[in-house]
Amino acid sequence: MPTATALARAKELDLDLVEVAPQADPPVVRIMDFGKWKYEQDVRAKESRKKQSQVIVKEMKFRPKISDHDFSIKKGHVERFLEEGDKVKVTIMFRGREMAHTELGAKLLDRLARELGEISQVEAAPKQDGRNMTMVLSPVKRIVKPAPKEPHQRGSSGERPAPSGGSSGVASEDRSKVGPPGAPGNVPVAGSVAGEAAGNGAGEVEKAGA
C-alpha cells in the first residue's frame, strides 16, 4: 500500500500510522492509537518492575582501632540497613603500619557479625582486598508465629458451668416426689386409693362424708 494511501486511511479512522518494522523491505506500518499503545506499554513495564526484587547493597566503613562508642553508632546504621531489607558491605580500612595487624580487622568483623547474628547472616566471608578487608551481611527473613487462641471460659474445676434456671430443679423436685413404680409415693390421689384399699363400703362412707 502506498504511504499516501495509508496516511489517508489512518486519518479517516482518526488513528495514527506507526512504523513497527523499519528494517523490513518494504517497511511494515500499523494503524493504531499510538497514545493508548504507549500507555499500555508503560503500565506493563511498571508491573514488571514491581515483580522484580531490587537488591541494594549499602556500605559501612570501619577503622581497625575504632572506639567502642563509634562502633556502636556504626553498628546501629548497619542494623537499620538490614531491617530495611538491604545488604551491607562492611569495609575495614588499613593505613600505614596497620597492615601489619590485619587480625584486628578480622576480629572487628567477627564481633559485628556475632552481635547482629539475630537479624543477619554472613553472605561473603571476610577477605583481604589490598588495603581493605571486606565482608557482606544479608538480612534474615523472620518467621512471625500466629498468636495462640484464648481458651473458652470455664469454671474453677475446669468444667463448664451448669445452666441456671428452674428446669433442673423442677426435674429433681419431681423425681423426689415420684418414687419407683409400685411404691406408695406414686399414688397421686390418696383419698380414692385409700377408699379402695379399705373396701368398697368404707370408700363409699368416706366419699359420702366428704
N, C-alpha and C. Protein backbone atom coordinates (compact mmCIF):
# COMPACT_ATOMS: atom_id res chain seq x y z
N MET A 1 0.84 -1.19 0.00
CA MET A 1 0.00 0.00 0.00
C MET A 1 0.88 1.25 0.00
N PRO A 2 0.61 2.20 -0.83
CA PRO A 2 1.40 3.42 -0.85
C PRO A 2 1.26 4.18 0.47
N THR A 3 2.30 4.96 0.80
CA THR A 3 2.31 5.70 2.06
C THR A 3 1.17 6.70 2.11
N ALA A 4 0.91 7.38 1.01
CA ALA A 4 -0.17 8.37 1.00
C ALA A 4 -1.52 7.71 1.28
N THR A 5 -1.74 6.54 0.70
CA THR A 5 -3.00 5.83 0.94
C THR A 5 -3.14 5.42 2.40
N ALA A 6 -2.04 4.94 2.98
CA ALA A 6 -2.07 4.53 4.39
C ALA A 6 -2.33 5.72 5.30
N LEU A 7 -1.73 6.85 4.99
CA LEU A 7 -1.96 8.05 5.79
C LEU A 7 -3.40 8.51 5.70
N ALA A 8 -3.94 8.46 4.51
CA ALA A 8 -5.34 8.86 4.33
C ALA A 8 -6.27 7.92 5.09
N ARG A 9 -5.97 6.62 5.04
CA ARG A 9 -6.81 5.65 5.76
C ARG A 9 -6.74 5.88 7.27
N ALA A 10 -5.55 6.17 7.81
CA ALA A 10 -5.42 6.44 9.24
C ALA A 10 -6.16 7.71 9.63
N LYS A 11 -6.12 8.70 8.75
CA LYS A 11 -6.81 9.96 9.04
C LYS A 11 -8.31 9.76 9.06
N GLU A 12 -8.83 8.92 8.16
CA GLU A 12 -10.26 8.65 8.15
C GLU A 12 -10.71 7.99 9.45
N LEU A 13 -9.90 7.10 9.98
CA LEU A 13 -10.24 6.39 11.22
C LEU A 13 -9.87 7.17 12.48
N ASP A 14 -9.28 8.36 12.31
CA ASP A 14 -8.84 9.19 13.43
C ASP A 14 -7.82 8.44 14.30
N LEU A 15 -6.90 7.74 13.63
CA LEU A 15 -5.85 6.98 14.31
C LEU A 15 -4.49 7.43 13.78
N ASP A 16 -3.43 6.74 14.24
CA ASP A 16 -2.06 7.09 13.86
C ASP A 16 -1.48 5.98 12.98
N LEU A 17 -0.57 6.38 12.11
CA LEU A 17 0.15 5.43 11.28
C LEU A 17 1.54 5.25 11.89
N VAL A 18 1.78 4.06 12.48
CA VAL A 18 3.01 3.80 13.24
C VAL A 18 3.85 2.77 12.49
N GLU A 19 5.13 3.06 12.34
CA GLU A 19 6.07 2.14 11.70
C GLU A 19 6.57 1.15 12.73
N VAL A 20 6.27 -0.13 12.58
CA VAL A 20 6.62 -1.15 13.56
C VAL A 20 7.83 -1.97 13.15
N ALA A 21 8.15 -2.03 11.89
CA ALA A 21 9.30 -2.80 11.42
C ALA A 21 10.01 -2.01 10.33
N PRO A 22 10.85 -1.04 10.72
CA PRO A 22 11.51 -0.20 9.71
C PRO A 22 12.56 -0.96 8.92
N GLN A 23 13.11 -2.08 9.48
CA GLN A 23 14.16 -2.81 8.76
C GLN A 23 13.61 -3.68 7.64
N ALA A 24 12.31 -3.92 7.67
CA ALA A 24 11.71 -4.79 6.64
C ALA A 24 11.69 -4.08 5.29
N ASP A 25 11.58 -4.87 4.25
CA ASP A 25 11.54 -4.33 2.89
C ASP A 25 10.31 -4.89 2.17
N PRO A 26 9.26 -4.13 2.00
CA PRO A 26 9.09 -2.73 2.43
C PRO A 26 8.82 -2.62 3.93
N PRO A 27 8.99 -1.42 4.51
CA PRO A 27 8.73 -1.26 5.96
C PRO A 27 7.29 -1.59 6.31
N VAL A 28 7.12 -2.13 7.51
CA VAL A 28 5.80 -2.53 7.98
C VAL A 28 5.25 -1.43 8.90
N VAL A 29 4.03 -1.02 8.63
CA VAL A 29 3.38 0.01 9.44
C VAL A 29 2.06 -0.54 9.97
N ARG A 30 1.52 0.13 10.99
CA ARG A 30 0.26 -0.30 11.59
C ARG A 30 -0.56 0.94 11.92
N ILE A 31 -1.86 0.82 11.67
CA ILE A 31 -2.77 1.90 12.03
C ILE A 31 -3.29 1.62 13.44
N MET A 32 -2.99 2.51 14.39
CA MET A 32 -3.35 2.28 15.79
C MET A 32 -3.46 3.62 16.50
N ASP A 33 -3.96 3.54 17.75
CA ASP A 33 -3.97 4.70 18.63
C ASP A 33 -2.63 4.69 19.39
N PHE A 34 -1.71 5.52 18.93
CA PHE A 34 -0.35 5.49 19.48
C PHE A 34 -0.33 5.88 20.96
N GLY A 35 -1.15 6.84 21.36
CA GLY A 35 -1.19 7.25 22.77
C GLY A 35 -1.63 6.12 23.68
N LYS A 36 -2.67 5.38 23.27
CA LYS A 36 -3.16 4.26 24.06
C LYS A 36 -2.12 3.15 24.11
N TRP A 37 -1.47 2.87 22.99
CA TRP A 37 -0.45 1.83 22.96
C TRP A 37 0.73 2.18 23.87
N LYS A 38 1.13 3.46 23.84
CA LYS A 38 2.23 3.90 24.69
C LYS A 38 1.87 3.78 26.17
N TYR A 39 0.65 4.10 26.52
CA TYR A 39 0.19 3.98 27.92
C TYR A 39 0.21 2.52 28.38
N GLU A 40 -0.27 1.62 27.53
CA GLU A 40 -0.28 0.20 27.89
C GLU A 40 1.14 -0.33 28.08
N GLN A 41 2.06 0.13 27.24
CA GLN A 41 3.45 -0.29 27.39
C GLN A 41 4.04 0.19 28.71
N ASP A 42 3.73 1.41 29.10
CA ASP A 42 4.23 1.94 30.38
C ASP A 42 3.65 1.17 31.56
N VAL A 43 2.38 0.79 31.49
CA VAL A 43 1.76 0.03 32.57
C VAL A 43 2.40 -1.34 32.70
N ARG A 44 2.67 -1.99 31.59
CA ARG A 44 3.31 -3.31 31.64
C ARG A 44 4.72 -3.23 32.20
N ALA A 45 5.44 -2.20 31.81
CA ALA A 45 6.80 -2.03 32.34
C ALA A 45 6.78 -1.76 33.83
N LYS A 46 5.79 -1.01 34.28
CA LYS A 46 5.67 -0.72 35.71
C LYS A 46 5.37 -1.98 36.50
N GLU A 47 4.47 -2.83 35.99
CA GLU A 47 4.14 -4.07 36.68
C GLU A 47 5.33 -5.02 36.73
N SER A 48 6.10 -5.07 35.66
CA SER A 48 7.28 -5.95 35.64
C SER A 48 8.33 -5.47 36.63
N ARG A 49 8.46 -4.14 36.79
CA ARG A 49 9.42 -3.63 37.77
C ARG A 49 8.98 -3.95 39.19
N LYS A 50 7.67 -3.98 39.43
CA LYS A 50 7.18 -4.32 40.77
C LYS A 50 7.52 -5.76 41.12
N LYS A 51 7.43 -6.66 40.12
CA LYS A 51 7.70 -8.07 40.38
C LYS A 51 9.17 -8.34 40.61
N GLN A 52 10.03 -7.50 40.05
CA GLN A 52 11.47 -7.69 40.24
C GLN A 52 11.87 -7.19 41.62
N SER A 53 12.67 -7.97 42.31
CA SER A 53 13.16 -7.59 43.63
C SER A 53 14.50 -6.89 43.48
N GLN A 54 14.53 -5.62 43.83
CA GLN A 54 15.76 -4.85 43.74
C GLN A 54 16.58 -5.06 45.00
N VAL A 55 17.81 -5.46 44.82
CA VAL A 55 18.73 -5.68 45.93
C VAL A 55 19.71 -4.52 45.97
N ILE A 56 19.67 -3.78 47.07
CA ILE A 56 20.55 -2.63 47.25
C ILE A 56 21.62 -3.01 48.25
N VAL A 57 22.86 -2.72 47.91
CA VAL A 57 23.99 -3.02 48.78
C VAL A 57 24.51 -1.70 49.35
N LYS A 58 24.37 -1.54 50.66
CA LYS A 58 24.91 -0.37 51.34
C LYS A 58 26.33 -0.70 51.82
N GLU A 59 27.12 0.31 52.07
CA GLU A 59 28.50 0.11 52.54
C GLU A 59 28.73 0.91 53.82
N MET A 60 29.41 0.27 54.76
CA MET A 60 29.78 0.93 56.01
C MET A 60 31.26 0.66 56.26
N LYS A 61 32.01 1.73 56.50
CA LYS A 61 33.47 1.64 56.65
C LYS A 61 33.86 1.77 58.12
N PHE A 62 34.81 0.94 58.53
CA PHE A 62 35.35 0.95 59.88
C PHE A 62 36.86 1.12 59.81
N ARG A 63 37.42 1.54 60.92
CA ARG A 63 38.88 1.54 61.11
C ARG A 63 39.23 0.46 62.12
N PRO A 64 40.38 -0.18 62.00
CA PRO A 64 40.70 -1.28 62.92
C PRO A 64 40.80 -0.85 64.38
N LYS A 65 41.11 0.42 64.65
CA LYS A 65 41.24 0.90 66.03
C LYS A 65 40.07 1.81 66.40
N ILE A 66 38.88 1.46 65.95
CA ILE A 66 37.71 2.27 66.22
C ILE A 66 37.32 2.15 67.69
N SER A 67 36.80 3.23 68.27
CA SER A 67 36.39 3.22 69.67
C SER A 67 35.05 2.49 69.81
N ASP A 68 34.75 2.08 71.05
CA ASP A 68 33.50 1.36 71.29
C ASP A 68 32.28 2.23 70.98
N HIS A 69 32.38 3.52 71.28
CA HIS A 69 31.26 4.42 71.01
C HIS A 69 30.98 4.52 69.51
N ASP A 70 32.04 4.75 68.73
CA ASP A 70 31.86 4.84 67.28
C ASP A 70 31.40 3.50 66.69
N PHE A 71 31.90 2.41 67.27
CA PHE A 71 31.48 1.09 66.79
C PHE A 71 29.98 0.90 67.01
N SER A 72 29.46 1.33 68.16
CA SER A 72 28.03 1.18 68.44
C SER A 72 27.20 2.00 67.48
N ILE A 73 27.67 3.22 67.16
CA ILE A 73 26.91 4.07 66.24
C ILE A 73 26.86 3.45 64.85
N LYS A 74 28.01 3.00 64.35
CA LYS A 74 28.05 2.40 63.02
C LYS A 74 27.28 1.09 62.99
N LYS A 75 27.33 0.34 64.07
CA LYS A 75 26.56 -0.90 64.13
C LYS A 75 25.06 -0.62 64.06
N GLY A 76 24.62 0.49 64.67
CA GLY A 76 23.22 0.88 64.57
C GLY A 76 22.81 1.19 63.15
N HIS A 77 23.69 1.84 62.39
CA HIS A 77 23.39 2.11 60.98
C HIS A 77 23.29 0.81 60.18
N VAL A 78 24.20 -0.11 60.44
CA VAL A 78 24.17 -1.40 59.74
C VAL A 78 22.89 -2.15 60.08
N GLU A 79 22.49 -2.11 61.34
CA GLU A 79 21.26 -2.78 61.76
C GLU A 79 20.04 -2.17 61.07
N ARG A 80 20.01 -0.86 60.93
CA ARG A 80 18.89 -0.21 60.25
C ARG A 80 18.83 -0.60 58.78
N PHE A 81 20.00 -0.68 58.12
CA PHE A 81 20.03 -1.09 56.71
C PHE A 81 19.49 -2.52 56.56
N LEU A 82 19.89 -3.40 57.46
CA LEU A 82 19.45 -4.79 57.37
C LEU A 82 17.94 -4.91 57.60
N GLU A 83 17.40 -4.16 58.56
CA GLU A 83 15.97 -4.22 58.83
C GLU A 83 15.15 -3.67 57.66
N GLU A 84 15.75 -2.79 56.87
CA GLU A 84 15.07 -2.27 55.68
C GLU A 84 15.15 -3.24 54.50
N GLY A 85 15.87 -4.36 54.68
CA GLY A 85 15.96 -5.37 53.63
C GLY A 85 17.14 -5.22 52.71
N ASP A 86 18.10 -4.37 53.04
CA ASP A 86 19.27 -4.16 52.19
C ASP A 86 20.46 -4.99 52.68
N LYS A 87 21.33 -5.32 51.75
CA LYS A 87 22.59 -5.95 52.12
C LYS A 87 23.60 -4.87 52.51
N VAL A 88 24.56 -5.25 53.32
CA VAL A 88 25.55 -4.29 53.80
C VAL A 88 26.95 -4.85 53.57
N LYS A 89 27.77 -4.06 52.90
CA LYS A 89 29.16 -4.39 52.70
C LYS A 89 29.98 -3.64 53.75
N VAL A 90 30.59 -4.39 54.65
CA VAL A 90 31.38 -3.80 55.73
C VAL A 90 32.85 -3.82 55.30
N THR A 91 33.48 -2.65 55.39
CA THR A 91 34.86 -2.50 54.94
C THR A 91 35.73 -2.01 56.08
N ILE A 92 36.83 -2.71 56.33
CA ILE A 92 37.84 -2.27 57.30
C ILE A 92 39.00 -1.66 56.52
N MET A 93 39.32 -0.41 56.79
CA MET A 93 40.37 0.30 56.05
C MET A 93 41.66 0.31 56.89
N PHE A 94 42.75 -0.16 56.29
CA PHE A 94 44.06 -0.18 56.95
C PHE A 94 44.94 0.91 56.34
N ARG A 95 45.70 1.56 57.18
CA ARG A 95 46.61 2.60 56.72
C ARG A 95 47.99 2.40 57.37
N GLY A 96 49.03 2.58 56.56
CA GLY A 96 50.39 2.54 57.07
C GLY A 96 50.72 1.24 57.77
N ARG A 97 51.17 1.39 59.03
CA ARG A 97 51.60 0.21 59.79
C ARG A 97 50.45 -0.68 60.22
N GLU A 98 49.23 -0.24 60.05
CA GLU A 98 48.08 -1.07 60.41
C GLU A 98 48.00 -2.32 59.54
N MET A 99 48.67 -2.32 58.38
CA MET A 99 48.67 -3.51 57.52
C MET A 99 49.36 -4.68 58.18
N ALA A 100 50.19 -4.41 59.17
CA ALA A 100 50.88 -5.50 59.87
C ALA A 100 49.99 -6.17 60.91
N HIS A 101 48.81 -5.61 61.15
CA HIS A 101 47.90 -6.16 62.17
C HIS A 101 46.50 -6.32 61.57
N THR A 102 46.44 -7.06 60.49
CA THR A 102 45.13 -7.28 59.86
C THR A 102 44.21 -8.15 60.70
N GLU A 103 44.78 -8.86 61.70
CA GLU A 103 43.93 -9.68 62.55
C GLU A 103 42.96 -8.83 63.37
N LEU A 104 43.33 -7.54 63.59
CA LEU A 104 42.41 -6.64 64.30
C LEU A 104 41.14 -6.41 63.48
N GLY A 105 41.30 -6.28 62.18
CA GLY A 105 40.14 -6.12 61.31
C GLY A 105 39.27 -7.37 61.29
N ALA A 106 39.91 -8.55 61.27
CA ALA A 106 39.14 -9.80 61.27
C ALA A 106 38.35 -9.95 62.56
N LYS A 107 38.95 -9.57 63.69
CA LYS A 107 38.24 -9.64 64.97
C LYS A 107 37.07 -8.66 65.00
N LEU A 108 37.25 -7.49 64.40
CA LEU A 108 36.19 -6.50 64.38
C LEU A 108 35.00 -6.98 63.54
N LEU A 109 35.29 -7.59 62.40
CA LEU A 109 34.22 -8.11 61.56
C LEU A 109 33.51 -9.27 62.24
N ASP A 110 34.27 -10.12 62.91
CA ASP A 110 33.67 -11.24 63.62
C ASP A 110 32.76 -10.75 64.75
N ARG A 111 33.18 -9.70 65.43
CA ARG A 111 32.35 -9.12 66.50
C ARG A 111 31.06 -8.56 65.95
N LEU A 112 31.14 -7.85 64.83
CA LEU A 112 29.94 -7.27 64.23
C LEU A 112 28.97 -8.36 63.77
N ALA A 113 29.49 -9.40 63.13
CA ALA A 113 28.62 -10.49 62.67
C ALA A 113 27.98 -11.22 63.84
N ARG A 114 28.71 -11.35 64.94
CA ARG A 114 28.17 -12.05 66.11
C ARG A 114 27.07 -11.23 66.79
N GLU A 115 27.26 -9.92 66.91
CA GLU A 115 26.28 -9.09 67.59
C GLU A 115 25.03 -8.87 66.74
N LEU A 116 25.15 -9.02 65.44
CA LEU A 116 23.99 -8.87 64.55
C LEU A 116 23.51 -10.22 64.01
N GLY A 117 23.86 -11.29 64.70
CA GLY A 117 23.52 -12.63 64.21
C GLY A 117 22.04 -12.91 64.17
N GLU A 118 21.22 -12.20 64.98
CA GLU A 118 19.79 -12.48 65.01
C GLU A 118 19.07 -11.94 63.77
N ILE A 119 19.60 -10.90 63.16
CA ILE A 119 18.91 -10.28 62.02
C ILE A 119 19.70 -10.38 60.72
N SER A 120 20.88 -11.00 60.75
CA SER A 120 21.70 -11.04 59.54
C SER A 120 22.46 -12.35 59.47
N GLN A 121 23.00 -12.60 58.30
CA GLN A 121 23.88 -13.75 58.08
C GLN A 121 25.03 -13.32 57.18
N VAL A 122 26.17 -13.99 57.33
CA VAL A 122 27.35 -13.64 56.56
C VAL A 122 27.22 -14.24 55.17
N GLU A 123 27.02 -13.37 54.19
CA GLU A 123 26.89 -13.84 52.81
C GLU A 123 28.25 -14.02 52.16
N ALA A 124 29.19 -13.12 52.43
CA ALA A 124 30.55 -13.21 51.92
C ALA A 124 31.50 -13.09 53.10
N ALA A 125 32.29 -14.14 53.34
CA ALA A 125 33.21 -14.15 54.47
C ALA A 125 34.26 -13.06 54.32
N PRO A 126 34.85 -12.64 55.44
CA PRO A 126 35.89 -11.59 55.36
C PRO A 126 37.05 -12.01 54.46
N LYS A 127 37.47 -11.08 53.62
CA LYS A 127 38.61 -11.34 52.73
C LYS A 127 39.40 -10.05 52.55
N GLN A 128 40.69 -10.22 52.35
CA GLN A 128 41.59 -9.09 52.17
C GLN A 128 41.57 -8.63 50.72
N ASP A 129 41.38 -7.33 50.52
CA ASP A 129 41.36 -6.75 49.18
C ASP A 129 42.26 -5.52 49.19
N GLY A 130 43.54 -5.75 48.95
CA GLY A 130 44.50 -4.64 49.02
C GLY A 130 44.66 -4.14 50.44
N ARG A 131 44.40 -2.87 50.65
CA ARG A 131 44.47 -2.29 51.99
C ARG A 131 43.14 -2.37 52.73
N ASN A 132 42.18 -3.02 52.16
CA ASN A 132 40.86 -3.14 52.78
C ASN A 132 40.51 -4.60 53.05
N MET A 133 39.70 -4.81 54.05
CA MET A 133 39.13 -6.13 54.35
C MET A 133 37.62 -5.98 54.32
N THR A 134 36.95 -6.79 53.53
CA THR A 134 35.51 -6.63 53.32
C THR A 134 34.75 -7.88 53.75
N MET A 135 33.48 -7.65 54.09
CA MET A 135 32.55 -8.71 54.45
C MET A 135 31.15 -8.23 54.08
N VAL A 136 30.31 -9.13 53.60
CA VAL A 136 28.95 -8.78 53.18
C VAL A 136 27.97 -9.47 54.11
N LEU A 137 27.04 -8.69 54.66
CA LEU A 137 25.96 -9.21 55.50
C LEU A 137 24.64 -9.06 54.76
N SER A 138 23.80 -10.08 54.85
CA SER A 138 22.48 -10.03 54.23
C SER A 138 21.42 -10.25 55.30
N PRO A 139 20.25 -9.63 55.13
CA PRO A 139 19.20 -9.77 56.15
C PRO A 139 18.61 -11.17 56.19
N VAL A 140 18.13 -11.54 57.35
CA VAL A 140 17.50 -12.84 57.55
C VAL A 140 16.00 -12.62 57.64
N LYS A 141 15.23 -13.43 56.90
CA LYS A 141 13.77 -13.31 56.95
C LYS A 141 13.28 -13.89 58.27
N ARG A 142 12.50 -13.08 58.97
CA ARG A 142 11.94 -13.51 60.24
C ARG A 142 10.60 -14.18 60.04
N ILE A 143 10.37 -15.28 60.78
CA ILE A 143 9.11 -16.02 60.71
C ILE A 143 8.23 -15.55 61.86
N VAL A 144 7.07 -14.98 61.51
CA VAL A 144 6.15 -14.47 62.52
C VAL A 144 5.17 -15.59 62.87
N LYS A 145 5.16 -16.01 64.14
CA LYS A 145 4.27 -17.07 64.59
C LYS A 145 2.91 -16.48 64.95
N PRO A 146 1.82 -17.16 64.60
CA PRO A 146 0.49 -16.64 64.96
C PRO A 146 0.28 -16.69 66.46
N ALA A 147 -0.49 -15.74 66.97
CA ALA A 147 -0.77 -15.68 68.40
C ALA A 147 -1.67 -16.85 68.80
N PRO A 148 -1.43 -17.46 69.97
CA PRO A 148 -2.27 -18.59 70.40
C PRO A 148 -3.69 -18.14 70.69
N LYS A 149 -4.66 -19.02 70.41
CA LYS A 149 -6.06 -18.70 70.65
C LYS A 149 -6.37 -18.82 72.13
N GLU A 150 -7.19 -17.91 72.63
CA GLU A 150 -7.57 -17.94 74.03
C GLU A 150 -8.62 -19.03 74.25
N PRO A 151 -8.47 -19.88 75.31
CA PRO A 151 -9.47 -20.92 75.57
C PRO A 151 -10.77 -20.32 76.06
N HIS A 152 -11.86 -21.08 75.92
CA HIS A 152 -13.17 -20.63 76.40
C HIS A 152 -13.18 -20.59 77.91
N GLN A 153 -13.96 -19.67 78.46
CA GLN A 153 -14.04 -19.54 79.91
C GLN A 153 -14.74 -20.75 80.50
N ARG A 154 -14.17 -21.25 81.58
CA ARG A 154 -14.74 -22.40 82.27
C ARG A 154 -14.71 -22.14 83.78
N GLY A 155 -15.32 -23.00 84.53
CA GLY A 155 -15.34 -22.85 85.97
C GLY A 155 -13.98 -23.13 86.59
N SER A 156 -13.91 -23.00 87.93
CA SER A 156 -12.64 -23.21 88.62
C SER A 156 -12.18 -24.65 88.51
N SER A 157 -13.10 -25.61 88.41
CA SER A 157 -12.73 -27.01 88.30
C SER A 157 -12.41 -27.42 86.88
N GLY A 158 -12.50 -26.48 85.94
CA GLY A 158 -12.21 -26.81 84.55
C GLY A 158 -13.41 -27.28 83.78
N GLU A 159 -14.58 -27.40 84.42
CA GLU A 159 -15.79 -27.86 83.76
C GLU A 159 -16.65 -26.67 83.41
N ARG A 160 -17.49 -26.85 82.43
CA ARG A 160 -18.40 -25.79 82.05
C ARG A 160 -19.46 -25.61 83.12
N PRO A 161 -19.82 -24.36 83.45
CA PRO A 161 -20.83 -24.15 84.50
C PRO A 161 -22.19 -24.66 84.05
N ALA A 162 -22.96 -25.19 85.02
CA ALA A 162 -24.29 -25.73 84.70
C ALA A 162 -25.23 -24.59 84.38
N PRO A 163 -26.14 -24.77 83.43
CA PRO A 163 -27.08 -23.69 83.09
C PRO A 163 -28.00 -23.39 84.25
N SER A 164 -28.20 -22.09 84.47
CA SER A 164 -29.06 -21.65 85.56
C SER A 164 -30.51 -21.71 85.12
N GLY A 165 -31.44 -21.83 86.06
CA GLY A 165 -32.86 -21.88 85.72
C GLY A 165 -33.57 -22.94 86.53
N GLY A 166 -34.87 -23.04 86.36
CA GLY A 166 -35.65 -23.97 87.16
C GLY A 166 -35.85 -25.31 86.51
N SER A 167 -35.27 -25.57 85.30
CA SER A 167 -35.55 -26.83 84.62
C SER A 167 -34.96 -27.99 85.38
N SER A 168 -33.65 -27.87 85.78
CA SER A 168 -33.03 -28.98 86.51
C SER A 168 -33.63 -29.12 87.88
N GLY A 169 -33.98 -27.95 88.53
CA GLY A 169 -34.57 -28.00 89.87
C GLY A 169 -35.93 -28.66 89.86
N VAL A 170 -36.70 -28.34 88.85
CA VAL A 170 -38.03 -28.93 88.76
C VAL A 170 -37.93 -30.42 88.53
N ALA A 171 -37.00 -30.82 87.69
CA ALA A 171 -36.85 -32.25 87.41
C ALA A 171 -36.45 -33.00 88.65
N SER A 172 -35.48 -32.45 89.43
CA SER A 172 -35.05 -33.14 90.65
C SER A 172 -36.16 -33.15 91.68
N GLU A 173 -36.94 -32.04 91.73
CA GLU A 173 -38.04 -31.99 92.69
C GLU A 173 -39.12 -33.01 92.36
N ASP A 174 -39.41 -33.14 91.05
CA ASP A 174 -40.40 -34.12 90.63
C ASP A 174 -39.94 -35.52 90.93
N ARG A 175 -38.63 -35.75 90.70
CA ARG A 175 -38.10 -37.10 90.96
C ARG A 175 -38.18 -37.43 92.45
N SER A 176 -38.03 -36.39 93.33
CA SER A 176 -38.09 -36.64 94.77
C SER A 176 -39.51 -37.01 95.21
N LYS A 177 -40.50 -36.46 94.50
CA LYS A 177 -41.88 -36.78 94.86
C LYS A 177 -42.33 -38.11 94.29
N VAL A 178 -41.84 -38.44 93.14
CA VAL A 178 -42.28 -39.65 92.47
C VAL A 178 -41.28 -40.75 92.75
N GLY A 179 -41.68 -41.78 93.38
CA GLY A 179 -40.80 -42.88 93.72
C GLY A 179 -40.79 -43.92 92.64
N PRO A 180 -40.22 -45.08 92.91
CA PRO A 180 -40.20 -46.16 91.92
C PRO A 180 -41.58 -46.71 91.67
N PRO A 181 -41.78 -47.38 90.56
CA PRO A 181 -43.12 -47.92 90.23
C PRO A 181 -43.60 -48.86 91.31
N GLY A 182 -44.85 -48.73 91.72
CA GLY A 182 -45.44 -49.60 92.73
C GLY A 182 -45.28 -49.09 94.14
N ALA A 183 -44.52 -48.05 94.38
CA ALA A 183 -44.32 -47.54 95.74
C ALA A 183 -45.46 -46.63 96.10
N PRO A 184 -45.67 -46.40 97.41
CA PRO A 184 -46.76 -45.53 97.85
C PRO A 184 -46.59 -44.10 97.36
N GLY A 185 -45.37 -43.71 97.14
CA GLY A 185 -45.17 -42.32 96.70
C GLY A 185 -45.74 -42.04 95.35
N ASN A 186 -46.05 -43.09 94.57
CA ASN A 186 -46.57 -42.88 93.23
C ASN A 186 -48.08 -42.59 93.23
N VAL A 187 -48.74 -42.67 94.43
CA VAL A 187 -50.20 -42.51 94.46
C VAL A 187 -50.53 -41.05 94.33
N PRO A 188 -51.14 -40.57 93.22
CA PRO A 188 -51.43 -39.16 93.05
C PRO A 188 -52.58 -38.68 93.91
N VAL A 189 -53.63 -39.51 94.13
CA VAL A 189 -54.81 -39.11 94.92
C VAL A 189 -54.94 -40.08 96.07
N ALA A 190 -54.62 -39.65 97.28
CA ALA A 190 -54.58 -40.56 98.43
C ALA A 190 -55.98 -41.01 98.83
N GLY A 191 -57.00 -40.13 98.74
CA GLY A 191 -58.35 -40.46 99.20
C GLY A 191 -58.99 -41.57 98.42
N SER A 192 -58.90 -41.52 97.10
CA SER A 192 -59.57 -42.52 96.27
C SER A 192 -58.93 -43.88 96.42
N VAL A 193 -57.56 -43.92 96.47
CA VAL A 193 -56.88 -45.20 96.59
C VAL A 193 -57.07 -45.77 97.97
N ALA A 194 -57.07 -44.90 99.02
CA ALA A 194 -57.27 -45.38 100.39
C ALA A 194 -58.67 -45.99 100.54
N GLY A 195 -59.66 -45.37 99.88
CA GLY A 195 -61.02 -45.92 99.95
C GLY A 195 -61.09 -47.28 99.31
N GLU A 196 -60.38 -47.48 98.17
CA GLU A 196 -60.41 -48.77 97.52
C GLU A 196 -59.70 -49.81 98.36
N ALA A 197 -58.63 -49.40 99.10
CA ALA A 197 -57.90 -50.36 99.93
C ALA A 197 -58.75 -50.79 101.12
N ALA A 198 -59.50 -49.89 101.73
CA ALA A 198 -60.31 -50.24 102.91
C ALA A 198 -61.53 -51.04 102.56
N GLY A 199 -61.96 -51.05 101.34
CA GLY A 199 -63.14 -51.78 100.93
C GLY A 199 -64.12 -50.89 100.24
N ASN A 200 -65.00 -51.51 99.53
CA ASN A 200 -65.94 -50.72 98.76
C ASN A 200 -66.85 -49.93 99.69
N GLY A 201 -67.24 -50.54 100.84
CA GLY A 201 -68.16 -49.85 101.73
C GLY A 201 -67.52 -48.68 102.40
N ALA A 202 -66.30 -48.90 102.89
CA ALA A 202 -65.61 -47.80 103.57
C ALA A 202 -65.35 -46.66 102.63
N GLY A 203 -65.01 -47.01 101.39
CA GLY A 203 -64.78 -45.97 100.39
C GLY A 203 -66.01 -45.17 100.16
N GLU A 204 -67.20 -45.84 100.13
CA GLU A 204 -68.44 -45.12 99.90
C GLU A 204 -68.76 -44.21 101.07
N VAL A 205 -68.45 -44.69 102.34
CA VAL A 205 -68.73 -43.86 103.51
C VAL A 205 -67.86 -42.61 103.48
N GLU A 206 -66.57 -42.78 103.14
CA GLU A 206 -65.66 -41.63 103.12
C GLU A 206 -66.11 -40.64 102.05
N LYS A 207 -66.54 -41.10 100.95
CA LYS A 207 -66.96 -40.21 99.88
C LYS A 207 -68.21 -39.47 100.30
N ALA A 208 -69.14 -40.20 101.00
CA ALA A 208 -70.39 -39.56 101.44
C ALA A 208 -70.10 -38.52 102.50
N GLY A 209 -69.15 -38.87 103.44
CA GLY A 209 -68.82 -37.91 104.49
C GLY A 209 -68.17 -36.67 103.94
N ALA A 210 -67.37 -36.86 102.89
CA ALA A 210 -66.72 -35.70 102.28
C ALA A 210 -67.77 -34.85 101.62
